[in-house]
Amino acid sequence: MKKLFRNLVVAFALIASIIGVSVAPTAEAGHVVTDDDRFGIYINDSSIYYDRVGHANAQIRYGRLGYEDSFDPILVSVMWGKGFYAYRIDSYGNNIGSIPQNVQLALANYLSERYQ
């Protein structure tokens, strides 16, 4: 049941991104810059699904600093605690690709500050 609910939340976030609901940076979107100032990341706070301590799924846009608005939103799964790891997921929560290490760190820091 929990996995079904998780999949429904992730599917809703994907559908929302396709039809354009809450994908543009708004007042409720967090903006993070990586430590090396290479990437900017918009995190759609209304899409965050806090799964358990140290793990959340979210919809983000990231790209070269100053151009992050021009990229399509993606779904990511982020884990933090003793370390950190983040990767792209599909609407079912399956791992479909990686994201740069510094983007992973910025996401883990952002989410751990707000959801721990």
Protein backbone atom coordinates (compact mmCIF):
# COMPACT_ATOMS: atom_id res chain seq x y z
CA MET A 1 0.00 0.00 0.00
CA LYS A 2 2.83 2.37 0.89
CA LYS A 3 4.58 1.69 -2.43
CA LEU A 4 1.33 2.29 -4.31
CA PHE A 5 0.86 5.63 -2.56
CA ARG A 6 4.48 6.57 -3.29
CA ASN A 7 4.04 5.68 -6.96
CA LEU A 8 0.85 7.75 -7.16
CA VAL A 9 2.59 10.79 -5.68
CA VAL A 10 5.52 10.43 -8.08
CA ALA A 11 3.14 9.92 -11.02
CA PHE A 12 1.20 13.05 -10.03
CA ALA A 13 4.43 15.07 -9.94
CA LEU A 14 5.34 13.79 -13.41
CA ILE A 15 1.89 14.57 -14.82
CA ALA A 16 2.03 18.02 -13.26
CA SER A 17 5.37 18.65 -14.93
CA ILE A 18 4.04 17.54 -18.32
CA ILE A 19 0.94 19.75 -18.24
CA GLY A 20 2.76 22.68 -16.70
CA VAL A 21 1.41 22.77 -13.16
CA SER A 22 3.85 24.37 -10.74
CA VAL A 23 6.92 23.76 -12.86
CA ALA A 24 7.99 27.37 -13.25
CA PRO A 25 9.95 28.96 -10.43
CA THR A 26 7.43 30.46 -8.04
CA ALA A 27 7.40 31.80 -4.51
CA GLU A 28 7.27 28.24 -3.20
CA ALA A 29 10.27 27.05 -5.22
CA GLY A 30 13.61 26.85 -3.51
CA HIS A 31 16.71 27.96 -5.39
CA VAL A 32 20.09 26.47 -4.61
CA VAL A 33 23.51 27.10 -6.13
CA THR A 34 26.19 24.40 -6.03
CA ASP A 35 29.34 24.99 -4.00
CA ASP A 36 31.42 25.56 -7.13
CA ASP A 37 28.89 28.09 -8.55
CA ARG A 38 28.46 26.04 -11.74
CA PHE A 39 24.85 24.88 -11.39
CA GLY A 40 21.63 26.49 -10.30
CA ILE A 41 18.80 24.29 -9.06
CA TYR A 42 15.12 25.11 -8.64
CA ILE A 43 13.33 22.73 -6.28
CA ASN A 44 9.55 22.66 -6.55
CA ASP A 45 8.73 22.55 -2.82
CA SER A 46 5.12 21.58 -3.48
CA SER A 47 6.30 18.40 -5.24
CA ILE A 48 8.49 17.07 -2.42
CA TYR A 49 7.46 13.65 -1.18
CA TYR A 50 9.19 13.00 2.13
CA ASP A 51 9.35 9.20 2.18
CA ARG A 52 11.20 8.55 5.45
CA VAL A 53 14.00 10.02 7.54
CA GLY A 54 16.81 10.90 5.16
CA HIS A 55 14.93 10.21 1.92
CA ALA A 56 12.67 12.30 -0.32
CA ASN A 57 11.58 12.55 -3.94
CA ALA A 58 11.21 15.92 -5.61
CA GLN A 59 10.75 17.68 -8.93
CA ILE A 60 13.65 19.95 -9.87
CA ARG A 61 15.14 21.96 -12.72
CA TYR A 62 18.87 22.32 -12.87
CA GLY A 63 21.35 23.68 -15.33
CA ARG A 64 24.28 26.00 -15.74
CA LEU A 65 23.96 28.92 -13.37
CA GLY A 66 21.74 31.55 -14.95
CA TYR A 67 20.18 29.11 -17.45
CA GLU A 68 18.40 26.70 -15.10
CA ASP A 69 14.98 28.08 -16.16
CA SER A 70 15.47 26.79 -19.70
CA PHE A 71 15.72 23.12 -18.73
CA ASP A 72 12.82 20.68 -18.39
CA PRO A 73 11.87 19.56 -14.90
CA ILE A 74 13.00 16.12 -13.78
CA LEU A 75 12.10 13.87 -10.87
CA VAL A 76 14.86 12.95 -8.44
CA SER A 77 15.26 10.73 -5.42
CA VAL A 78 17.57 12.13 -2.75
CA MET A 79 19.05 10.33 0.26
CA TRP A 80 21.08 11.94 3.02
CA GLY A 81 22.41 11.07 6.46
CA LYS A 82 25.93 9.71 6.95
CA GLY A 83 26.48 10.38 3.25
CA PHE A 84 24.34 11.49 0.33
CA TYR A 85 23.15 10.19 -3.01
CA ALA A 86 20.68 11.46 -5.59
CA TYR A 87 19.56 10.15 -8.98
CA ARG A 88 16.89 10.69 -11.62
CA ILE A 89 13.73 8.60 -11.31
CA ASP A 90 10.82 7.81 -13.58
CA SER A 91 7.16 8.11 -12.62
CA TYR A 92 7.35 4.71 -10.90
CA GLY A 93 10.34 5.63 -8.74
CA ASN A 94 12.86 3.58 -10.75
CA ASN A 95 16.43 4.83 -11.13
CA ILE A 96 16.86 6.09 -14.71
CA GLY A 97 20.08 8.08 -14.55
CA SER A 98 22.60 10.03 -12.60
CA ILE A 99 23.04 13.71 -11.86
CA PRO A 100 26.33 15.54 -11.19
CA GLN A 101 27.91 14.99 -7.76
CA ASN A 102 27.82 18.68 -6.82
CA VAL A 103 24.09 18.84 -7.69
CA GLN A 104 23.54 15.78 -5.48
CA LEU A 105 25.29 17.50 -2.57
CA ALA A 106 23.32 20.74 -3.00
CA LEU A 107 20.02 18.82 -3.07
CA ALA A 108 20.94 16.74 -0.02
CA ASN A 109 21.91 19.87 1.92
CA TYR A 110 18.70 21.69 0.94
CA LEU A 111 16.42 18.81 1.87
CA SER A 112 18.25 17.88 5.07
CA GLU A 113 17.93 21.45 6.35
CA ARG A 114 14.17 21.46 5.77
CA TYR A 115 13.03 17.88 6.25
CA GLN A 116 15.14 16.42 9.04
